[in-house]
Amino acid sequence: MQIIFCTCPDNSTAEKIARWLVENQLAACVNIVPGITSIYAWEGRIESAQEHLLIIKASSLNYQAIETAIQQHHPYKLPEIIALPVEQGLPEYLNWIESCHSSN
């Protein structure tokens, strides 16, 4: 299992990507956390933006397909896509995540 973080510029983009991932069985669940403030270095300047954070719960078998889908549907030139392994969790919940992944 893995958790993937991805920031989006607005709710519309966040919902579009989240729905696409779940409908295509690449993720079991995607949480959208609205109203985060990101402060970051970009092209020699310090930037600040209001964003929405996707918390994507998925099988690690789907990582490459998720990365590709985000890049295809995301408006940023360089979207945040960071995956972290899930080391522990409620076994029934982890089994549910695994059962939702695409076998394609």
C-alpha atoms as a PDB file:
ATOM      1  CA  MET A   1       0.000   0.000   0.000  1.00  0.00           C
ATOM      2  CA  GLN A   2       0.994   3.592  -0.479  1.00  0.00           C
ATOM      3  CA  ILE A   3      -0.154   7.120   0.189  1.00  0.00           C
ATOM      4  CA  ILE A   4       0.465   9.589  -2.623  1.00  0.00           C
ATOM      5  CA  PHE A   5       0.370  13.344  -2.087  1.00  0.00           C
ATOM      6  CA  CYS A   6      -0.494  15.720  -4.915  1.00  0.00           C
ATOM      7  CA  THR A   7      -1.346  19.415  -4.671  1.00  0.00           C
ATOM      8  CA  CYS A   8      -3.836  21.014  -7.055  1.00  0.00           C
ATOM      9  CA  PRO A   9      -4.517  24.678  -7.830  1.00  0.00           C
ATOM     10  CA  ASP A  10      -8.283  24.476  -7.246  1.00  0.00           C
ATOM     11  CA  ASN A  11     -11.159  22.233  -6.189  1.00  0.00           C
ATOM     12  CA  SER A  12     -12.241  21.514  -9.755  1.00  0.00           C
ATOM     13  CA  THR A  13      -8.846  20.071 -10.687  1.00  0.00           C
ATOM     14  CA  ALA A  14      -8.645  18.152  -7.402  1.00  0.00           C
ATOM     15  CA  GLU A  15     -12.082  16.573  -7.898  1.00  0.00           C
ATOM     16  CA  LYS A  16     -11.386  15.744 -11.545  1.00  0.00           C
ATOM     17  CA  ILE A  17      -8.167  13.891 -10.720  1.00  0.00           C
ATOM     18  CA  ALA A  18      -9.619  12.196  -7.624  1.00  0.00           C
ATOM     19  CA  ARG A  19     -12.692  10.921  -9.473  1.00  0.00           C
ATOM     20  CA  TRP A  20     -10.627   9.727 -12.431  1.00  0.00           C
ATOM     21  CA  LEU A  21      -8.310   7.720 -10.158  1.00  0.00           C
ATOM     22  CA  VAL A  22     -11.161   6.070  -8.240  1.00  0.00           C
ATOM     23  CA  GLU A  23     -13.387   5.459 -11.294  1.00  0.00           C
ATOM     24  CA  ASN A  24     -10.468   3.797 -13.095  1.00  0.00           C
ATOM     25  CA  GLN A  25      -9.668   1.628 -10.058  1.00  0.00           C
ATOM     26  CA  LEU A  26      -6.218   3.122  -9.582  1.00  0.00           C
ATOM     27  CA  ALA A  27      -7.036   4.347  -6.056  1.00  0.00           C
ATOM     28  CA  ALA A  28      -9.426   3.064  -3.419  1.00  0.00           C
ATOM     29  CA  CYS A  29      -9.972   6.514  -1.911  1.00  0.00           C
ATOM     30  CA  VAL A  30      -8.772  10.068  -2.435  1.00  0.00           C
ATOM     31  CA  ASN A  31      -9.194  12.727   0.246  1.00  0.00           C
ATOM     32  CA  ILE A  32      -9.277  16.360  -0.841  1.00  0.00           C
ATOM     33  CA  VAL A  33      -7.968  18.763   1.787  1.00  0.00           C
ATOM     34  CA  PRO A  34      -8.945  22.287   0.725  1.00  0.00           C
ATOM     35  CA  GLY A  35      -7.355  25.569   1.633  1.00  0.00           C
ATOM     36  CA  ILE A  36      -3.734  24.661   2.262  1.00  0.00           C
ATOM     37  CA  THR A  37      -1.053  27.291   1.830  1.00  0.00           C
ATOM     38  CA  SER A  38       2.077  26.212   0.001  1.00  0.00           C
ATOM     39  CA  ILE A  39       5.264  28.262   0.187  1.00  0.00           C
ATOM     40  CA  TYR A  40       7.941  27.071  -2.190  1.00  0.00           C
ATOM     41  CA  ALA A  41      10.976  28.041  -4.252  1.00  0.00           C
ATOM     42  CA  TRP A  42      10.289  28.193  -7.999  1.00  0.00           C
ATOM     43  CA  GLU A  43      12.522  29.558 -10.732  1.00  0.00           C
ATOM     44  CA  GLY A  44      14.652  31.615  -8.335  1.00  0.00           C
ATOM     45  CA  ARG A  45      11.752  33.142  -6.382  1.00  0.00           C
ATOM     46  CA  ILE A  46       9.826  32.318  -3.245  1.00  0.00           C
ATOM     47  CA  GLU A  47       6.189  31.706  -4.181  1.00  0.00           C
ATOM     48  CA  SER A  48       3.010  31.253  -2.174  1.00  0.00           C
ATOM     49  CA  ALA A  49      -0.204  29.618  -3.375  1.00  0.00           C
ATOM     50  CA  GLN A  50      -3.521  28.442  -2.008  1.00  0.00           C
ATOM     51  CA  GLU A  51      -3.954  24.819  -3.042  1.00  0.00           C
ATOM     52  CA  HIS A  52      -5.941  21.654  -2.460  1.00  0.00           C
ATOM     53  CA  LEU A  53      -4.072  18.546  -1.302  1.00  0.00           C
ATOM     54  CA  LEU A  54      -4.952  15.099  -2.621  1.00  0.00           C
ATOM     55  CA  ILE A  55      -4.244  12.208  -0.274  1.00  0.00           C
ATOM     56  CA  ILE A  56      -4.413   9.163  -2.529  1.00  0.00           C
ATOM     57  CA  LYS A  57      -4.674   5.667  -1.006  1.00  0.00           C
ATOM     58  CA  ALA A  58      -3.704   2.960  -3.455  1.00  0.00           C
ATOM     59  CA  SER A  59      -1.903  -0.273  -4.088  1.00  0.00           C
ATOM     60  CA  SER A  60       1.765   0.273  -4.853  1.00  0.00           C
ATOM     61  CA  LEU A  61       1.170  -1.820  -7.990  1.00  0.00           C
ATOM     62  CA  ASN A  62      -0.723   1.180  -9.421  1.00  0.00           C
ATOM     63  CA  TYR A  63       1.942   3.828  -8.808  1.00  0.00           C
ATOM     64  CA  GLN A  64       3.134   4.246 -12.402  1.00  0.00           C
ATOM     65  CA  ALA A  65      -0.424   4.459 -13.761  1.00  0.00           C
ATOM     66  CA  ILE A  66      -1.332   7.022 -11.081  1.00  0.00           C
ATOM     67  CA  GLU A  67       1.732   9.125 -11.871  1.00  0.00           C
ATOM     68  CA  THR A  68       0.900   9.049 -15.584  1.00  0.00           C
ATOM     69  CA  ALA A  69      -2.767   9.938 -14.972  1.00  0.00           C
ATOM     70  CA  ILE A  70      -1.871  12.878 -12.738  1.00  0.00           C
ATOM     71  CA  GLN A  71       0.593  14.214 -15.310  1.00  0.00           C
ATOM     72  CA  GLN A  72      -2.064  13.931 -18.043  1.00  0.00           C
ATOM     73  CA  HIS A  73      -4.806  15.691 -16.049  1.00  0.00           C
ATOM     74  CA  HIS A  74      -2.811  18.228 -14.024  1.00  0.00           C
ATOM     75  CA  PRO A  75      -2.303  21.840 -15.162  1.00  0.00           C
ATOM     76  CA  TYR A  76       1.060  22.326 -13.415  1.00  0.00           C
ATOM     77  CA  LYS A  77       4.269  22.034 -15.424  1.00  0.00           C
ATOM     78  CA  LEU A  78       5.752  20.086 -12.491  1.00  0.00           C
ATOM     79  CA  PRO A  79       3.013  18.597 -10.264  1.00  0.00           C
ATOM     80  CA  GLU A  80       3.815  17.320  -6.800  1.00  0.00           C
ATOM     81  CA  ILE A  81       3.630  13.526  -6.852  1.00  0.00           C
ATOM     82  CA  ILE A  82       5.167  11.979  -3.742  1.00  0.00           C
ATOM     83  CA  ALA A  83       4.504   8.386  -2.693  1.00  0.00           C
ATOM     84  CA  LEU A  84       5.069   7.027   0.792  1.00  0.00           C
ATOM     85  CA  PRO A  85       4.793   3.354   1.712  1.00  0.00           C
ATOM     86  CA  VAL A  86       2.217   2.285   4.275  1.00  0.00           C
ATOM     87  CA  GLU A  87       4.060   0.224   6.858  1.00  0.00           C
ATOM     88  CA  GLN A  88       1.129  -0.590   9.127  1.00  0.00           C
ATOM     89  CA  GLY A  89      -2.619  -0.149   9.263  1.00  0.00           C
ATOM     90  CA  LEU A  90      -5.876  -1.836  10.139  1.00  0.00           C
ATOM     91  CA  PRO A  91      -5.618  -5.101   8.179  1.00  0.00           C
ATOM     92  CA  GLU A  92      -9.222  -4.945   6.991  1.00  0.00           C
ATOM     93  CA  TYR A  93      -8.702  -1.403   5.678  1.00  0.00           C
ATOM     94  CA  LEU A  94      -5.481  -2.337   3.898  1.00  0.00           C
ATOM     95  CA  ASN A  95      -7.224  -5.362   2.357  1.00  0.00           C
ATOM     96  CA  TRP A  96      -9.995  -3.062   1.115  1.00  0.00           C
ATOM     97  CA  ILE A  97      -7.449  -0.764  -0.561  1.00  0.00           C
ATOM     98  CA  GLU A  98      -5.828  -3.761  -2.236  1.00  0.00           C
ATOM     99  CA  SER A  99      -9.208  -5.079  -3.423  1.00  0.00           C
ATOM    100  CA  CYS A 100      -9.941  -1.795  -5.237  1.00  0.00           C
ATOM    101  CA  HIS A 101      -6.864  -1.791  -7.485  1.00  0.00           C
ATOM    102  CA  SER A 102      -7.072  -2.388 -11.195  1.00  0.00           C
ATOM    103  CA  SER A 103      -5.632  -5.642 -12.465  1.00  0.00           C
ATOM    104  CA  ASN A 104      -4.848  -4.028 -15.847  1.00  0.00           C
END
